[in-house]
């Protein structure tokens, strides 16, 4: 038994004509996969952002206009005899929401304290450690050795450096790292 096959119907025209008629369909089929993947990726990323998986942007809430760490003394020997260093900071709250300075970190001090002075306004009182220093909404917190302050206990010698890194931690605004210039003793 012999099998014979009939020639396939070409639909008229040459093989070249078939190629030109089929290329839009082939192009569409080739592009469909990447287009579908891109659409699915955009939908998934949009859902992630909408669910706050990408986080949120927070505007700058605080402005630090004055920062200084005065040298402890004019001589190295006298500075080594002093076991604390004081700071000067001016922190402006740019929002109407109150905030609070709750911690300060620096690589030069073994311990950093937040302090306030007791006593009536205008009179120096005892310096007491506090858990935080309030910054009123649209207000300013000014820190100095005579008022509320950041005290660096047992600092490493820093008098020969130009700046001291301070990382300020706020209850609402998060952390801000600054480079506080080292100034002559007693000056902001």
C-alpha atoms as a PDB file:
ATOM      1  CA  UNK A   1       0.000   0.000   0.000  1.00  0.00           C
ATOM      2  CA  UNK A   2       1.356   3.358  -1.005  1.00  0.00           C
ATOM      3  CA  UNK A   3       0.432   6.655   0.588  1.00  0.00           C
ATOM      4  CA  UNK A   4       0.561   9.817  -1.383  1.00  0.00           C
ATOM      5  CA  UNK A   5       0.068  13.305  -0.036  1.00  0.00           C
ATOM      6  CA  UNK A   6      -1.469  16.201  -1.807  1.00  0.00           C
ATOM      7  CA  UNK A   7       0.407  19.493  -1.903  1.00  0.00           C
ATOM      8  CA  UNK A   8      -0.689  21.905   0.850  1.00  0.00           C
ATOM      9  CA  UNK A   9      -2.892  24.750  -0.110  1.00  0.00           C
ATOM     10  CA  UNK A  10      -0.879  27.914  -0.198  1.00  0.00           C
ATOM     11  CA  UNK A  11      -3.743  30.318  -0.296  1.00  0.00           C
ATOM     12  CA  UNK A  12      -2.278  31.865  -3.376  1.00  0.00           C
ATOM     13  CA  UNK A  13       0.938  33.752  -3.664  1.00  0.00           C
ATOM     14  CA  UNK A  14       4.529  32.911  -2.972  1.00  0.00           C
ATOM     15  CA  UNK A  15       6.248  32.043   0.352  1.00  0.00           C
ATOM     16  CA  UNK A  16       7.469  35.623   0.533  1.00  0.00           C
ATOM     17  CA  UNK A  17       3.904  36.918   0.486  1.00  0.00           C
ATOM     18  CA  UNK A  18       2.968  34.591   3.369  1.00  0.00           C
ATOM     19  CA  UNK A  19       5.887  35.935   5.448  1.00  0.00           C
ATOM     20  CA  UNK A  20       4.779  39.533   4.986  1.00  0.00           C
ATOM     21  CA  UNK A  21       1.187  38.776   5.864  1.00  0.00           C
ATOM     22  CA  UNK A  22       2.155  36.851   9.029  1.00  0.00           C
ATOM     23  CA  UNK A  23       4.718  39.242  10.532  1.00  0.00           C
ATOM     24  CA  UNK A  24       2.235  41.496  12.405  1.00  0.00           C
ATOM     25  CA  UNK A  25       0.766  38.444  14.105  1.00  0.00           C
ATOM     26  CA  UNK A  26       4.200  37.090  14.961  1.00  0.00           C
ATOM     27  CA  UNK A  27       5.256  40.499  16.321  1.00  0.00           C
ATOM     28  CA  UNK A  28       2.118  40.694  18.445  1.00  0.00           C
ATOM     29  CA  UNK A  29       2.706  37.198  19.831  1.00  0.00           C
ATOM     30  CA  UNK A  30       6.365  38.015  20.604  1.00  0.00           C
ATOM     31  CA  UNK A  31       5.510  41.256  22.410  1.00  0.00           C
ATOM     32  CA  UNK A  32       2.548  39.879  24.373  1.00  0.00           C
ATOM     33  CA  UNK A  33       4.664  38.088  27.007  1.00  0.00           C
ATOM     34  CA  UNK A  34       6.824  41.084  28.041  1.00  0.00           C
ATOM     35  CA  UNK A  35       3.829  43.471  27.929  1.00  0.00           C
ATOM     36  CA  UNK A  36       1.785  41.202  30.213  1.00  0.00           C
ATOM     37  CA  UNK A  37       4.734  40.887  32.619  1.00  0.00           C
ATOM     38  CA  UNK A  38       5.188  44.689  32.694  1.00  0.00           C
ATOM     39  CA  UNK A  39       1.484  45.262  33.422  1.00  0.00           C
ATOM     40  CA  UNK A  40       1.487  42.683  36.226  1.00  0.00           C
ATOM     41  CA  UNK A  41       4.658  44.230  37.723  1.00  0.00           C
ATOM     42  CA  UNK A  42       3.161  47.743  37.637  1.00  0.00           C
ATOM     43  CA  UNK A  43      -0.029  46.496  39.331  1.00  0.00           C
ATOM     44  CA  UNK A  44       1.953  44.694  42.050  1.00  0.00           C
ATOM     45  CA  UNK A  45       4.243  47.679  42.700  1.00  0.00           C
ATOM     46  CA  UNK A  46       1.255  50.036  42.832  1.00  0.00           C
ATOM     47  CA  UNK A  47      -0.443  47.791  45.399  1.00  0.00           C
ATOM     48  CA  UNK A  48       2.777  47.661  47.453  1.00  0.00           C
ATOM     49  CA  UNK A  49       3.087  51.457  47.474  1.00  0.00           C
ATOM     50  CA  UNK A  50      -0.629  51.902  48.255  1.00  0.00           C
ATOM     51  CA  UNK A  51      -0.282  49.584  51.268  1.00  0.00           C
ATOM     52  CA  UNK A  52       2.657  51.720  52.518  1.00  0.00           C
ATOM     53  CA  UNK A  53       5.078  48.851  51.993  1.00  0.00           C
ATOM     54  CA  UNK A  54       7.385  51.354  50.348  1.00  0.00           C
ATOM     55  CA  UNK A  55       7.347  53.571  53.447  1.00  0.00           C
ATOM     56  CA  UNK A  56       6.331  57.179  53.645  1.00  0.00           C
ATOM     57  CA  UNK A  57       8.141  60.392  52.959  1.00  0.00           C
ATOM     58  CA  UNK A  58       8.321  62.731  55.908  1.00  0.00           C
ATOM     59  CA  UNK A  59       9.162  66.372  55.444  1.00  0.00           C
ATOM     60  CA  UNK A  60      11.983  68.003  57.364  1.00  0.00           C
ATOM     61  CA  UNK A  61      10.488  68.936  60.691  1.00  0.00           C
ATOM     62  CA  UNK A  62      13.404  70.379  62.643  1.00  0.00           C
ATOM     63  CA  UNK A  63      16.126  72.888  61.903  1.00  0.00           C
ATOM     64  CA  UNK A  64      19.335  73.041  63.932  1.00  0.00           C
ATOM     65  CA  UNK A  65      20.816  76.524  63.622  1.00  0.00           C
ATOM     66  CA  UNK A  66      23.459  76.577  66.336  1.00  0.00           C
ATOM     67  CA  UNK A  67      25.609  73.634  67.292  1.00  0.00           C
ATOM     68  CA  UNK A  68      28.897  73.776  69.164  1.00  0.00           C
ATOM     69  CA  UNK A  69      30.936  71.766  71.636  1.00  0.00           C
ATOM     70  CA  UNK A  70      33.309  74.096  73.480  1.00  0.00           C
ATOM     71  CA  UNK A  71      36.734  72.830  74.484  1.00  0.00           C
ATOM     72  CA  UNK A  72      36.817  71.831  78.138  1.00  0.00           C
ATOM     73  CA  UNK A  73      39.860  74.037  78.909  1.00  0.00           C
ATOM     74  CA  UNK A  74      42.651  76.007  77.240  1.00  0.00           C
ATOM     75  CA  UNK A  75      45.321  73.390  78.002  1.00  0.00           C
ATOM     76  CA  UNK A  76      45.384  69.645  77.423  1.00  0.00           C
ATOM     77  CA  UNK A  77      46.229  68.937  81.069  1.00  0.00           C
ATOM     78  CA  UNK A  78      43.301  71.024  82.325  1.00  0.00           C
ATOM     79  CA  UNK A  79      40.947  69.462  79.742  1.00  0.00           C
ATOM     80  CA  UNK A  80      41.936  65.956  80.851  1.00  0.00           C
ATOM     81  CA  UNK A  81      41.071  66.874  84.449  1.00  0.00           C
ATOM     82  CA  UNK A  82      37.490  67.769  83.438  1.00  0.00           C
ATOM     83  CA  UNK A  83      35.193  64.775  83.071  1.00  0.00           C
ATOM     84  CA  UNK A  84      32.297  66.464  81.222  1.00  0.00           C
ATOM     85  CA  UNK A  85      31.805  68.533  78.090  1.00  0.00           C
ATOM     86  CA  UNK A  86      28.819  70.784  77.466  1.00  0.00           C
ATOM     87  CA  UNK A  87      27.076  71.658  74.219  1.00  0.00           C
ATOM     88  CA  UNK A  88      25.270  74.532  72.599  1.00  0.00           C
ATOM     89  CA  UNK A  89      22.326  73.674  70.348  1.00  0.00           C
ATOM     90  CA  UNK A  90      19.388  75.603  68.955  1.00  0.00           C
ATOM     91  CA  UNK A  91      16.633  73.360  67.600  1.00  0.00           C
ATOM     92  CA  UNK A  92      13.666  74.923  65.807  1.00  0.00           C
ATOM     93  CA  UNK A  93      10.462  72.898  65.377  1.00  0.00           C
ATOM     94  CA  UNK A  94       9.030  73.819  61.961  1.00  0.00           C
ATOM     95  CA  UNK A  95       5.659  72.139  62.565  1.00  0.00           C
ATOM     96  CA  UNK A  96       2.777  72.819  64.919  1.00  0.00           C
ATOM     97  CA  UNK A  97       3.186  69.369  66.492  1.00  0.00           C
ATOM     98  CA  UNK A  98       5.365  69.330  69.625  1.00  0.00           C
ATOM     99  CA  UNK A  99       8.387  67.033  69.594  1.00  0.00           C
ATOM    100  CA  UNK A 100      10.931  65.879  72.163  1.00  0.00           C
ATOM    101  CA  UNK A 101      14.683  65.318  72.138  1.00  0.00           C
ATOM    102  CA  UNK A 102      14.941  61.896  73.815  1.00  0.00           C
ATOM    103  CA  UNK A 103      18.594  60.930  73.315  1.00  0.00           C
ATOM    104  CA  UNK A 104      21.938  62.033  71.916  1.00  0.00           C
ATOM    105  CA  UNK A 105      24.730  59.717  70.799  1.00  0.00           C
ATOM    106  CA  UNK A 106      28.351  60.493  69.985  1.00  0.00           C
ATOM    107  CA  UNK A 107      31.417  58.317  69.511  1.00  0.00           C
ATOM    108  CA  UNK A 108      33.536  60.542  71.787  1.00  0.00           C
ATOM    109  CA  UNK A 109      31.570  60.088  75.032  1.00  0.00           C
ATOM    110  CA  UNK A 110      30.909  57.007  77.123  1.00  0.00           C
ATOM    111  CA  UNK A 111      27.596  58.491  78.283  1.00  0.00           C
ATOM    112  CA  UNK A 112      25.433  61.416  77.144  1.00  0.00           C
ATOM    113  CA  UNK A 113      22.920  63.055  79.497  1.00  0.00           C
ATOM    114  CA  UNK A 114      19.982  65.343  78.849  1.00  0.00           C
ATOM    115  CA  UNK A 115      19.779  67.872  81.678  1.00  0.00           C
ATOM    116  CA  UNK A 116      17.714  70.793  82.917  1.00  0.00           C
ATOM    117  CA  UNK A 117      18.401  73.430  85.559  1.00  0.00           C
ATOM    118  CA  UNK A 118      16.111  73.599  88.564  1.00  0.00           C
ATOM    119  CA  UNK A 119      15.227  76.906  90.146  1.00  0.00           C
ATOM    120  CA  UNK A 120      13.365  79.979  89.070  1.00  0.00           C
ATOM    121  CA  UNK A 121      13.737  81.619  85.686  1.00  0.00           C
ATOM    122  CA  UNK A 122      16.859  83.734  85.501  1.00  0.00           C
ATOM    123  CA  UNK A 123      18.594  81.901  88.348  1.00  0.00           C
ATOM    124  CA  UNK A 124      20.905  78.965  87.911  1.00  0.00           C
ATOM    125  CA  UNK A 125      19.865  75.917  89.896  1.00  0.00           C
ATOM    126  CA  UNK A 126      21.026  72.381  90.220  1.00  0.00           C
ATOM    127  CA  UNK A 127      21.480  70.425  87.046  1.00  0.00           C
ATOM    128  CA  UNK A 128      19.185  67.357  86.938  1.00  0.00           C
ATOM    129  CA  UNK A 129      19.020  64.531  84.406  1.00  0.00           C
ATOM    130  CA  UNK A 130      15.743  64.293  82.474  1.00  0.00           C
ATOM    131  CA  UNK A 131      14.385  61.634  80.086  1.00  0.00           C
ATOM    132  CA  UNK A 132      13.664  64.171  77.341  1.00  0.00           C
ATOM    133  CA  UNK A 133      13.630  67.841  76.423  1.00  0.00           C
ATOM    134  CA  UNK A 134      10.405  69.230  74.944  1.00  0.00           C
ATOM    135  CA  UNK A 135      10.402  71.242  71.734  1.00  0.00           C
ATOM    136  CA  UNK A 136       7.112  73.152  71.430  1.00  0.00           C
ATOM    137  CA  UNK A 137       5.242  73.257  68.123  1.00  0.00           C
ATOM    138  CA  UNK A 138       6.552  76.159  66.014  1.00  0.00           C
ATOM    139  CA  UNK A 139       8.997  76.846  68.856  1.00  0.00           C
ATOM    140  CA  UNK A 140      12.698  76.649  69.633  1.00  0.00           C
ATOM    141  CA  UNK A 141      14.672  74.649  72.189  1.00  0.00           C
ATOM    142  CA  UNK A 142      17.914  76.405  73.079  1.00  0.00           C
ATOM    143  CA  UNK A 143      20.514  74.322  74.890  1.00  0.00           C
ATOM    144  CA  UNK A 144      23.534  75.721  76.747  1.00  0.00           C
ATOM    145  CA  UNK A 145      25.475  74.963  79.929  1.00  0.00           C
ATOM    146  CA  UNK A 146      23.295  77.496  81.802  1.00  0.00           C
ATOM    147  CA  UNK A 147      19.916  76.082  80.706  1.00  0.00           C
ATOM    148  CA  UNK A 148      18.708  72.711  79.501  1.00  0.00           C
ATOM    149  CA  UNK A 149      21.700  70.953  77.961  1.00  0.00           C
ATOM    150  CA  UNK A 150      23.315  67.887  76.458  1.00  0.00           C
ATOM    151  CA  UNK A 151      26.227  66.793  78.679  1.00  0.00           C
ATOM    152  CA  UNK A 152      28.963  64.505  77.360  1.00  0.00           C
ATOM    153  CA  UNK A 153      30.354  62.467  80.244  1.00  0.00           C
ATOM    154  CA  UNK A 154      33.960  61.229  80.193  1.00  0.00           C
ATOM    155  CA  UNK A 155      34.620  62.298  76.602  1.00  0.00           C
ATOM    156  CA  UNK A 156      37.674  61.209  74.700  1.00  0.00           C
ATOM    157  CA  UNK A 157      40.033  64.122  73.983  1.00  0.00           C
ATOM    158  CA  UNK A 158      38.334  66.106  71.222  1.00  0.00           C
ATOM    159  CA  UNK A 159      39.963  69.508  71.601  1.00  0.00           C
ATOM    160  CA  UNK A 160      42.355  68.934  68.670  1.00  0.00           C
ATOM    161  CA  UNK A 161      39.505  68.082  66.273  1.00  0.00           C
ATOM    162  CA  UNK A 162      37.429  70.559  64.315  1.00  0.00           C
ATOM    163  CA  UNK A 163      34.035  68.839  64.766  1.00  0.00           C
ATOM    164  CA  UNK A 164      32.230  66.418  67.072  1.00  0.00           C
ATOM    165  CA  UNK A 165      29.560  64.148  65.521  1.00  0.00           C
ATOM    166  CA  UNK A 166      26.261  64.220  67.424  1.00  0.00           C
ATOM    167  CA  UNK A 167      23.263  62.029  66.586  1.00  0.00           C
ATOM    168  CA  UNK A 168      20.107  63.619  67.967  1.00  0.00           C
ATOM    169  CA  UNK A 169      17.133  61.292  68.507  1.00  0.00           C
ATOM    170  CA  UNK A 170      13.658  62.853  68.493  1.00  0.00           C
ATOM    171  CA  UNK A 171      10.398  61.203  69.500  1.00  0.00           C
ATOM    172  CA  UNK A 172       8.547  62.168  66.285  1.00  0.00           C
ATOM    173  CA  UNK A 173      11.146  63.415  63.827  1.00  0.00           C
ATOM    174  CA  UNK A 174      13.503  60.435  64.147  1.00  0.00           C
ATOM    175  CA  UNK A 175      17.281  60.876  64.107  1.00  0.00           C
ATOM    176  CA  UNK A 176      19.408  63.720  62.825  1.00  0.00           C
ATOM    177  CA  UNK A 177      23.203  63.559  62.724  1.00  0.00           C
ATOM    178  CA  UNK A 178      25.170  66.801  62.807  1.00  0.00           C
ATOM    179  CA  UNK A 179      28.803  67.815  63.015  1.00  0.00           C
ATOM    180  CA  UNK A 180      29.099  70.305  65.901  1.00  0.00           C
ATOM    181  CA  UNK A 181      32.153  72.565  65.618  1.00  0.00           C
ATOM    182  CA  UNK A 182      34.646  72.565  68.488  1.00  0.00           C
ATOM    183  CA  UNK A 183      34.929  76.125  69.840  1.00  0.00           C
ATOM    184  CA  UNK A 184      37.134  77.848  72.442  1.00  0.00           C
ATOM    185  CA  UNK A 185      36.175  77.192  76.080  1.00  0.00           C
ATOM    186  CA  UNK A 186      32.928  78.823  77.175  1.00  0.00           C
ATOM    187  CA  UNK A 187      31.848  80.001  73.710  1.00  0.00           C
ATOM    188  CA  UNK A 188      29.012  78.809  71.486  1.00  0.00           C
END
